[in-house]
Amino acid sequence: MTALRSILFFILAPGMVAGFIPLGLLRSGSQIQTDFLSYLAFPLWLIGFVMLVWCFWDFLQKGRGTPAPIDPPKELVVSGLYNYVRNPMYVGVLLVIFGHFLWFGFWNLLIYATVVFIAFNSFVIFYEEPTLKNKFGTAYEEYLKRVPRWIPRFK
């Protein structure tokens, strides 16, 4: 049942933020020529999607829950991509959106990516981190010291 809830959340949250809304933004806005840079969209889409699937799997298997705030994991997930960056799902979504910008060339997609990043960052700072500190205590505090929030650190 947790897997089904996780799949549903995957479709609703990242699917909406990285898929449905950006594609809806293609109906208006000014376009630029991205030419050969547009082909960078493919690796960004692939990397972003793989990051999302990997993190959802880790939440399901290691965290015994879903990424949804209403059905959070029971265990702190600090392995896999979480060894390198604290918010790999959000990074994956942003990579997909940036890929859309490179491929389609609409400025409003870049503006949208900026707004999404600000929303993600605010959510992380004001809700996620305090909630996880309360739930997991010292283990999460140590994790915060060891792993950066947004830019991956490769050891």
Protein backbone atom coordinates (compact mmCIF):
# COMPACT_ATOMS: atom_id res chain seq x y z
CA MET A 1 0.00 0.00 0.00
CA THR A 2 2.91 2.36 0.76
CA ALA A 3 4.25 1.77 -2.76
CA LEU A 4 0.90 2.75 -4.27
CA ARG A 5 0.75 5.94 -2.19
CA SER A 6 4.32 6.72 -3.23
CA ILE A 7 3.52 6.25 -6.94
CA LEU A 8 0.44 8.45 -6.58
CA PHE A 9 2.51 11.17 -4.87
CA PHE A 10 5.17 10.84 -7.61
CA ILE A 11 2.55 11.50 -10.28
CA LEU A 12 0.88 14.34 -8.39
CA ALA A 13 3.83 16.30 -6.96
CA PRO A 14 6.91 16.01 -9.20
CA GLY A 15 4.72 15.12 -12.16
CA MET A 16 2.81 18.34 -11.75
CA VAL A 17 5.76 20.61 -10.89
CA ALA A 18 8.23 19.20 -13.46
CA GLY A 19 5.79 18.04 -16.13
CA PHE A 20 2.29 19.40 -16.37
CA ILE A 21 2.88 23.03 -15.28
CA PRO A 22 6.04 23.65 -17.38
CA LEU A 23 4.43 22.14 -20.45
CA GLY A 24 1.45 24.42 -19.87
CA LEU A 25 3.82 27.38 -19.84
CA LEU A 26 4.81 26.57 -23.43
CA ARG A 27 1.60 28.15 -24.65
CA SER A 28 2.89 31.67 -24.01
CA GLY A 29 6.06 33.62 -23.50
CA SER A 30 9.03 34.63 -25.57
CA GLN A 31 11.37 32.07 -27.01
CA ILE A 32 15.14 32.14 -27.49
CA GLN A 33 17.31 30.01 -29.70
CA THR A 34 19.18 27.46 -27.61
CA ASP A 35 20.59 25.66 -30.70
CA PHE A 36 23.20 23.08 -29.72
CA LEU A 37 22.61 23.75 -26.00
CA SER A 38 19.12 22.35 -26.42
CA TYR A 39 20.59 18.86 -26.62
CA LEU A 40 21.76 19.21 -23.01
CA ALA A 41 18.08 18.83 -22.14
CA PHE A 42 18.25 15.07 -22.71
CA PRO A 43 20.85 14.30 -20.03
CA LEU A 44 19.16 16.75 -17.65
CA TRP A 45 15.79 15.06 -18.15
CA LEU A 46 17.32 11.63 -17.70
CA ILE A 47 19.41 12.53 -14.65
CA GLY A 48 16.50 14.39 -13.03
CA PHE A 49 14.06 11.52 -13.62
CA VAL A 50 16.52 8.88 -12.38
CA MET A 51 17.21 10.96 -9.27
CA LEU A 52 13.50 11.14 -8.52
CA VAL A 53 12.89 7.42 -9.01
CA TRP A 54 15.99 6.51 -6.97
CA CYS A 55 14.91 8.75 -4.07
CA PHE A 56 11.34 7.48 -4.12
CA TRP A 57 12.70 3.93 -4.02
CA ASP A 58 14.99 4.79 -1.07
CA PHE A 59 12.09 6.35 0.83
CA LEU A 60 10.01 3.26 0.22
CA GLN A 61 12.70 0.66 1.01
CA LYS A 62 14.99 2.35 3.56
CA GLY A 63 12.65 4.93 5.04
CA ARG A 64 9.58 2.69 5.07
CA GLY A 65 7.36 5.54 3.90
CA THR A 66 6.77 8.01 1.12
CA PRO A 67 8.20 11.47 0.36
CA ALA A 68 4.73 12.95 0.97
CA PRO A 69 4.59 15.11 4.12
CA ILE A 70 1.28 13.42 5.04
CA ASP A 71 2.90 9.95 4.89
CA PRO A 72 6.58 10.54 5.80
CA PRO A 73 9.22 7.83 6.19
CA LYS A 74 9.61 6.19 9.57
CA GLU A 75 13.42 5.99 9.27
CA LEU A 76 15.83 8.79 8.37
CA VAL A 77 17.12 8.23 4.82
CA VAL A 78 20.77 9.32 4.56
CA SER A 79 22.13 6.88 1.99
CA GLY A 80 22.12 6.78 -1.80
CA LEU A 81 21.87 10.26 -3.28
CA TYR A 82 21.26 11.63 0.22
CA ASN A 83 24.99 11.04 0.87
CA TYR A 84 25.77 13.90 -1.51
CA VAL A 85 22.97 16.42 -1.15
CA ARG A 86 20.12 16.78 1.36
CA ASN A 87 17.44 17.48 -1.24
CA PRO A 88 18.10 15.30 -4.28
CA MET A 89 14.42 15.07 -5.22
CA TYR A 90 14.13 18.84 -5.47
CA VAL A 91 17.41 18.98 -7.40
CA GLY A 92 16.03 16.34 -9.79
CA VAL A 93 12.85 18.34 -10.38
CA LEU A 94 14.87 21.49 -11.04
CA LEU A 95 17.10 19.63 -13.52
CA VAL A 96 14.02 18.48 -15.43
CA ILE A 97 12.59 22.02 -15.52
CA PHE A 98 15.93 23.46 -16.65
CA GLY A 99 16.00 20.78 -19.34
CA HIS A 100 12.61 22.02 -20.52
CA PHE A 101 14.03 25.54 -20.75
CA LEU A 102 17.03 24.38 -22.78
CA TRP A 103 14.91 22.31 -25.16
CA PHE A 104 12.00 24.66 -25.71
CA GLY A 105 13.80 27.97 -25.09
CA PHE A 106 10.94 29.78 -23.35
CA TRP A 107 12.13 32.36 -20.82
CA ASN A 108 9.09 31.79 -18.65
CA LEU A 109 10.42 28.26 -17.93
CA LEU A 110 13.60 29.77 -16.49
CA ILE A 111 11.52 32.19 -14.40
CA TYR A 112 9.35 29.25 -13.33
CA ALA A 113 12.46 27.27 -12.29
CA THR A 114 13.56 30.23 -10.15
CA VAL A 115 10.15 30.47 -8.48
CA VAL A 116 10.13 26.70 -7.87
CA PHE A 117 13.61 26.88 -6.32
CA ILE A 118 12.53 29.71 -3.99
CA ALA A 119 9.44 27.70 -3.00
CA PHE A 120 11.51 24.54 -2.41
CA ASN A 121 14.13 26.42 -0.40
CA SER A 122 11.48 28.11 1.75
CA PHE A 123 9.69 24.81 2.35
CA VAL A 124 12.96 23.12 3.32
CA ILE A 125 14.07 25.89 5.70
CA PHE A 126 10.75 26.63 7.36
CA TYR A 127 9.06 23.20 7.40
CA GLU A 128 11.18 20.20 6.43
CA GLU A 129 14.34 20.83 8.41
CA PRO A 130 12.60 21.82 11.68
CA THR A 131 10.22 18.85 11.34
CA LEU A 132 13.07 16.40 10.70
CA LYS A 133 15.08 17.86 13.61
CA ASN A 134 12.12 17.24 15.92
CA LYS A 135 11.52 13.74 14.58
CA PHE A 136 15.09 12.40 14.26
CA GLY A 137 17.01 14.63 16.70
CA THR A 138 20.78 14.25 16.90
CA ALA A 139 21.01 11.91 13.91
CA TYR A 140 19.50 14.59 11.68
CA GLU A 141 21.63 17.36 13.23
CA GLU A 142 24.77 15.37 12.39
CA TYR A 143 23.45 14.79 8.87
CA LEU A 144 22.95 18.57 8.43
CA LYS A 145 26.59 19.17 9.34
CA ARG A 146 27.86 16.49 6.97
CA VAL A 147 25.77 16.98 3.81
CA PRO A 148 25.08 20.25 1.90
CA ARG A 149 21.54 21.39 1.21
CA TRP A 150 21.64 22.10 -2.55
CA ILE A 151 25.01 21.69 -4.24
CA PRO A 152 26.24 18.08 -4.09
CA ARG A 153 29.53 17.34 -2.39
CA PHE A 154 31.30 14.39 -3.95
CA LYS A 155 33.77 12.75 -1.61
